[in-house]
Amino acid sequence: GVFYQYSPLTVATSGALSVTGTTTIS
């Protein structure tokens, strides 16, 4: 069985993330 799973997040999008240098997601 391979199941579809869904994101628990309900927050609005922060837009596109384009990483240059170092970016930390905390």
PDB file of all heavy atoms in Angstrom:
ATOM      1  N   GLY A   1       0.825  -1.206   0.000  1.00  0.00           N
ATOM      2  CA  GLY A   1       0.000   0.000   0.000  1.00  0.00           C
ATOM      3  C   GLY A   1       0.855   1.250   0.000  1.00  0.00           C
ATOM      4  O   GLY A   1       1.809   1.373   0.777  1.00  0.00           O
ATOM      5  N   VAL A   2       0.552   2.179  -0.895  1.00  0.00           N
ATOM      6  CA  VAL A   2       1.218   3.473  -0.929  1.00  0.00           C
ATOM      7  C   VAL A   2       0.115   4.525  -0.810  1.00  0.00           C
ATOM      8  O   VAL A   2      -0.740   4.630  -1.678  1.00  0.00           O
ATOM      9  CB  VAL A   2       2.018   3.678  -2.226  1.00  0.00           C
ATOM     10  CG1 VAL A   2       2.816   4.980  -2.155  1.00  0.00           C
ATOM     11  CG2 VAL A   2       2.961   2.503  -2.461  1.00  0.00           C
ATOM     12  N   PHE A   3       0.151   5.308   0.259  1.00  0.00           N
ATOM     13  CA  PHE A   3      -0.985   6.150   0.606  1.00  0.00           C
ATOM     14  C   PHE A   3      -0.691   7.628   0.366  1.00  0.00           C
ATOM     15  O   PHE A   3       0.411   8.109   0.634  1.00  0.00           O
ATOM     16  CB  PHE A   3      -1.355   5.958   2.080  1.00  0.00           C
ATOM     17  CG  PHE A   3      -1.708   4.550   2.430  1.00  0.00           C
ATOM     18  CD1 PHE A   3      -0.756   3.686   2.953  1.00  0.00           C
ATOM     19  CD2 PHE A   3      -2.980   4.066   2.223  1.00  0.00           C
ATOM     20  CE1 PHE A   3      -1.071   2.385   3.273  1.00  0.00           C
ATOM     21  CE2 PHE A   3      -3.317   2.765   2.533  1.00  0.00           C
ATOM     22  CZ  PHE A   3      -2.356   1.921   3.062  1.00  0.00           C
ATOM     23  N   TYR A   4      -1.704   8.341  -0.110  1.00  0.00           N
ATOM     24  CA  TYR A   4      -1.606   9.794  -0.154  1.00  0.00           C
ATOM     25  C   TYR A   4      -1.684  10.338   1.274  1.00  0.00           C
ATOM     26  O   TYR A   4      -2.564   9.956   2.044  1.00  0.00           O
ATOM     27  CB  TYR A   4      -2.752  10.388  -0.972  1.00  0.00           C
ATOM     28  CG  TYR A   4      -2.580  10.232  -2.456  1.00  0.00           C
ATOM     29  CD1 TYR A   4      -3.207   9.198  -3.140  1.00  0.00           C
ATOM     30  CD2 TYR A   4      -1.802  11.115  -3.183  1.00  0.00           C
ATOM     31  CE1 TYR A   4      -3.061   9.040  -4.504  1.00  0.00           C
ATOM     32  CE2 TYR A   4      -1.645  10.979  -4.550  1.00  0.00           C
ATOM     33  CZ  TYR A   4      -2.277   9.945  -5.214  1.00  0.00           C
ATOM     34  OH  TYR A   4      -2.115   9.800  -6.563  1.00  0.00           O
ATOM     35  N   GLN A   5      -0.774  11.226   1.592  1.00  0.00           N
ATOM     36  CA  GLN A   5      -0.798  11.884   2.885  1.00  0.00           C
ATOM     37  C   GLN A   5      -0.859  13.391   2.669  1.00  0.00           C
ATOM     38  O   GLN A   5      -0.336  13.903   1.683  1.00  0.00           O
ATOM     39  CB  GLN A   5       0.428  11.508   3.705  1.00  0.00           C
ATOM     40  CG  GLN A   5       0.509  10.012   3.965  1.00  0.00           C
ATOM     41  CD  GLN A   5       1.619   9.662   4.920  1.00  0.00           C
ATOM     42  OE1 GLN A   5       1.728  10.244   5.979  1.00  0.00           O
ATOM     43  NE2 GLN A   5       2.444   8.698   4.546  1.00  0.00           N
ATOM     44  N   TYR A   6      -1.480  14.076   3.604  1.00  0.00           N
ATOM     45  CA  TYR A   6      -1.729  15.494   3.419  1.00  0.00           C
ATOM     46  C   TYR A   6      -1.075  16.333   4.495  1.00  0.00           C
ATOM     47  O   TYR A   6      -0.930  15.915   5.638  1.00  0.00           O
ATOM     48  CB  TYR A   6      -3.242  15.753   3.370  1.00  0.00           C
ATOM     49  CG  TYR A   6      -3.817  15.288   2.066  1.00  0.00           C
ATOM     50  CD1 TYR A   6      -4.335  14.006   1.937  1.00  0.00           C
ATOM     51  CD2 TYR A   6      -3.765  16.096   0.947  1.00  0.00           C
ATOM     52  CE1 TYR A   6      -4.829  13.553   0.733  1.00  0.00           C
ATOM     53  CE2 TYR A   6      -4.253  15.652  -0.266  1.00  0.00           C
ATOM     54  CZ  TYR A   6      -4.785  14.389  -0.370  1.00  0.00           C
ATOM     55  OH  TYR A   6      -5.252  13.937  -1.580  1.00  0.00           O
ATOM     56  N   SER A   7      -0.703  17.538   4.118  1.00  0.00           N
ATOM     57  CA  SER A   7      -0.022  18.434   5.032  1.00  0.00           C
ATOM     58  C   SER A   7      -0.940  18.864   6.166  1.00  0.00           C
ATOM     59  O   SER A   7      -2.094  19.229   5.934  1.00  0.00           O
ATOM     60  CB  SER A   7       0.470  19.670   4.278  1.00  0.00           C
ATOM     61  OG  SER A   7       0.941  20.653   5.181  1.00  0.00           O
ATOM     62  N   PRO A   8      -0.447  18.860   7.393  1.00  0.00           N
ATOM     63  CA  PRO A   8      -1.254  19.344   8.512  1.00  0.00           C
ATOM     64  C   PRO A   8      -1.261  20.863   8.625  1.00  0.00           C
ATOM     65  O   PRO A   8      -1.993  21.415   9.449  1.00  0.00           O
ATOM     66  CB  PRO A   8      -0.569  18.701   9.722  1.00  0.00           C
ATOM     67  CG  PRO A   8       0.867  18.605   9.322  1.00  0.00           C
ATOM     68  CD  PRO A   8       0.845  18.307   7.838  1.00  0.00           C
ATOM     69  N   LEU A   9      -0.445  21.548   7.805  1.00  0.00           N
ATOM     70  CA  LEU A   9      -0.347  23.005   7.924  1.00  0.00           C
ATOM     71  C   LEU A   9      -1.605  23.685   7.392  1.00  0.00           C
ATOM     72  O   LEU A   9      -2.154  23.300   6.362  1.00  0.00           O
ATOM     73  CB  LEU A   9       0.868  23.519   7.158  1.00  0.00           C
ATOM     74  CG  LEU A   9       2.251  23.122   7.702  1.00  0.00           C
ATOM     75  CD1 LEU A   9       3.344  23.790   6.893  1.00  0.00           C
ATOM     76  CD2 LEU A   9       2.382  23.490   9.176  1.00  0.00           C
ATOM     77  N   THR A  10      -2.024  24.722   8.077  1.00  0.00           N
ATOM     78  CA  THR A  10      -3.172  25.520   7.637  1.00  0.00           C
ATOM     79  C   THR A  10      -2.789  26.994   7.474  1.00  0.00           C
ATOM     80  O   THR A  10      -3.652  27.848   7.330  1.00  0.00           O
ATOM     81  CB  THR A  10      -4.315  25.409   8.657  1.00  0.00           C
ATOM     82  OG1 THR A  10      -3.850  25.833   9.950  1.00  0.00           O
ATOM     83  CG2 THR A  10      -4.831  23.980   8.742  1.00  0.00           C
ATOM     84  N   VAL A  11      -1.490  27.283   7.482  1.00  0.00           N
ATOM     85  CA  VAL A  11      -1.025  28.667   7.396  1.00  0.00           C
ATOM     86  C   VAL A  11      -1.013  29.142   5.949  1.00  0.00           C
ATOM     87  O   VAL A  11      -0.990  28.346   5.011  1.00  0.00           O
ATOM     88  CB  VAL A  11       0.394  28.800   7.983  1.00  0.00           C
ATOM     89  CG1 VAL A  11       0.399  28.423   9.453  1.00  0.00           C
ATOM     90  CG2 VAL A  11       1.392  27.931   7.214  1.00  0.00           C
ATOM     91  N   ALA A  12      -1.035  30.451   5.760  1.00  0.00           N
ATOM     92  CA  ALA A  12      -0.947  31.034   4.429  1.00  0.00           C
ATOM     93  C   ALA A  12       0.472  30.896   3.893  1.00  0.00           C
ATOM     94  O   ALA A  12       1.441  30.776   4.662  1.00  0.00           O
ATOM     95  CB  ALA A  12      -1.349  32.506   4.474  1.00  0.00           C
ATOM     96  N   THR A  13       0.607  30.909   2.577  1.00  0.00           N
ATOM     97  CA  THR A  13       1.928  30.775   1.977  1.00  0.00           C
ATOM     98  C   THR A  13       2.793  31.998   2.251  1.00  0.00           C
ATOM     99  O   THR A  13       2.295  33.138   2.322  1.00  0.00           O
ATOM    100  CB  THR A  13       1.816  30.551   0.460  1.00  0.00           C
ATOM    101  OG1 THR A  13       3.142  30.426  -0.087  1.00  0.00           O
ATOM    102  CG2 THR A  13       1.102  31.712  -0.209  1.00  0.00           C
ATOM    103  N   SER A  14       4.072  31.753   2.425  1.00  0.00           N
ATOM    104  CA  SER A  14       5.052  32.833   2.569  1.00  0.00           C
ATOM    105  C   SER A  14       5.656  33.219   1.235  1.00  0.00           C
ATOM    106  O   SER A  14       6.634  33.967   1.180  1.00  0.00           O
ATOM    107  CB  SER A  14       6.154  32.406   3.534  1.00  0.00           C
ATOM    108  OG  SER A  14       5.631  32.154   4.819  1.00  0.00           O
ATOM    109  N   GLY A  15       5.099  32.673   0.138  1.00  0.00           N
ATOM    110  CA  GLY A  15       5.613  32.981  -1.186  1.00  0.00           C
ATOM    111  C   GLY A  15       6.752  32.065  -1.582  1.00  0.00           C
ATOM    112  O   GLY A  15       7.000  31.034  -0.950  1.00  0.00           O
ATOM    113  N   ALA A  16       7.457  32.426  -2.611  1.00  0.00           N
ATOM    114  CA  ALA A  16       8.562  31.605  -3.117  1.00  0.00           C
ATOM    115  C   ALA A  16       9.809  31.824  -2.265  1.00  0.00           C
ATOM    116  O   ALA A  16      10.117  32.953  -1.877  1.00  0.00           O
ATOM    117  CB  ALA A  16       8.844  31.944  -4.569  1.00  0.00           C
ATOM    118  N   LEU A  17      10.505  30.726  -1.981  1.00  0.00           N
ATOM    119  CA  LEU A  17      11.769  30.800  -1.256  1.00  0.00           C
ATOM    120  C   LEU A  17      12.894  30.520  -2.235  1.00  0.00           C
ATOM    121  O   LEU A  17      12.999  29.415  -2.779  1.00  0.00           O
ATOM    122  CB  LEU A  17      11.800  29.784  -0.116  1.00  0.00           C
ATOM    123  CG  LEU A  17      13.127  29.674   0.644  1.00  0.00           C
ATOM    124  CD1 LEU A  17      13.476  30.987   1.331  1.00  0.00           C
ATOM    125  CD2 LEU A  17      13.078  28.529   1.659  1.00  0.00           C
ATOM    126  N   SER A  18      13.736  31.512  -2.457  1.00  0.00           N
ATOM    127  CA  SER A  18      14.916  31.352  -3.316  1.00  0.00           C
ATOM    128  C   SER A  18      16.143  31.541  -2.437  1.00  0.00           C
ATOM    129  O   SER A  18      16.363  32.630  -1.881  1.00  0.00           O
ATOM    130  CB  SER A  18      14.899  32.392  -4.441  1.00  0.00           C
ATOM    131  OG  SER A  18      16.015  32.214  -5.297  1.00  0.00           O
ATOM    132  N   VAL A  19      16.917  30.476  -2.278  1.00  0.00           N
ATOM    133  CA  VAL A  19      18.012  30.470  -1.320  1.00  0.00           C
ATOM    134  C   VAL A  19      19.309  30.900  -1.985  1.00  0.00           C
ATOM    135  O   VAL A  19      19.735  30.324  -2.999  1.00  0.00           O
ATOM    136  CB  VAL A  19      18.181  29.074  -0.697  1.00  0.00           C
ATOM    137  CG1 VAL A  19      19.347  29.054   0.275  1.00  0.00           C
ATOM    138  CG2 VAL A  19      16.897  28.646  -0.001  1.00  0.00           C
ATOM    139  N   THR A  20      19.929  31.921  -1.422  1.00  0.00           N
ATOM    140  CA  THR A  20      21.294  32.330  -1.776  1.00  0.00           C
ATOM    141  C   THR A  20      22.077  32.422  -0.481  1.00  0.00           C
ATOM    142  O   THR A  20      21.544  32.871   0.529  1.00  0.00           O
ATOM    143  CB  THR A  20      21.302  33.686  -2.491  1.00  0.00           C
ATOM    144  OG1 THR A  20      20.728  34.672  -1.634  1.00  0.00           O
ATOM    145  CG2 THR A  20      20.535  33.626  -3.803  1.00  0.00           C
ATOM    146  N   GLY A  21      23.310  31.982  -0.480  1.00  0.00           N
ATOM    147  CA  GLY A  21      24.026  31.929   0.777  1.00  0.00           C
ATOM    148  C   GLY A  21      23.431  30.861   1.665  1.00  0.00           C
ATOM    149  O   GLY A  21      23.157  29.749   1.219  1.00  0.00           O
ATOM    150  N   THR A  22      23.180  31.191   2.945  1.00  0.00           N
ATOM    151  CA  THR A  22      22.602  30.252   3.899  1.00  0.00           C
ATOM    152  C   THR A  22      21.275  30.781   4.421  1.00  0.00           C
ATOM    153  O   THR A  22      21.195  31.919   4.894  1.00  0.00           O
ATOM    154  CB  THR A  22      23.550  30.002   5.082  1.00  0.00           C
ATOM    155  OG1 THR A  22      24.780  29.447   4.606  1.00  0.00           O
ATOM    156  CG2 THR A  22      22.925  29.052   6.089  1.00  0.00           C
ATOM    157  N   THR A  23      20.227  29.965   4.315  1.00  0.00           N
ATOM    158  CA  THR A  23      18.913  30.299   4.850  1.00  0.00           C
ATOM    159  C   THR A  23      18.510  29.197   5.822  1.00  0.00           C
ATOM    160  O   THR A  23      18.663  28.008   5.511  1.00  0.00           O
ATOM    161  CB  THR A  23      17.868  30.404   3.727  1.00  0.00           C
ATOM    162  OG1 THR A  23      18.227  31.481   2.856  1.00  0.00           O
ATOM    163  CG2 THR A  23      16.476  30.654   4.297  1.00  0.00           C
ATOM    164  N   THR A  24      18.003  29.590   6.982  1.00  0.00           N
ATOM    165  CA  THR A  24      17.589  28.618   7.989  1.00  0.00           C
ATOM    166  C   THR A  24      16.080  28.667   8.168  1.00  0.00           C
ATOM    167  O   THR A  24      15.501  29.747   8.324  1.00  0.00           O
ATOM    168  CB  THR A  24      18.269  28.903   9.341  1.00  0.00           C
ATOM    169  OG1 THR A  24      19.694  28.805   9.178  1.00  0.00           O
ATOM    170  CG2 THR A  24      17.825  27.895  10.399  1.00  0.00           C
ATOM    171  N   ILE A  25      15.455  27.483   8.142  1.00  0.00           N
ATOM    172  CA  ILE A  25      14.036  27.354   8.456  1.00  0.00           C
ATOM    173  C   ILE A  25      13.929  26.852   9.887  1.00  0.00           C
ATOM    174  O   ILE A  25      14.363  25.740  10.195  1.00  0.00           O
ATOM    175  CB  ILE A  25      13.326  26.390   7.492  1.00  0.00           C
ATOM    176  CG1 ILE A  25      13.343  26.953   6.068  1.00  0.00           C
ATOM    177  CG2 ILE A  25      11.892  26.135   7.948  1.00  0.00           C
ATOM    178  CD1 ILE A  25      12.721  26.030   5.039  1.00  0.00           C
ATOM    179  N   SER A  26      13.364  27.693  10.762  1.00  0.00           N
ATOM    180  CA  SER A  26      13.271  27.340  12.182  1.00  0.00           C
ATOM    181  C   SER A  26      11.833  27.365  12.677  1.00  0.00           C
ATOM    182  O   SER A  26      11.592  27.389  13.887  1.00  0.00           O
ATOM    183  CB  SER A  26      14.127  28.298  13.013  1.00  0.00           C
ATOM    184  OG  SER A  26      13.756  29.648  12.764  1.00  0.00           O
TER     185      SER A  26
END
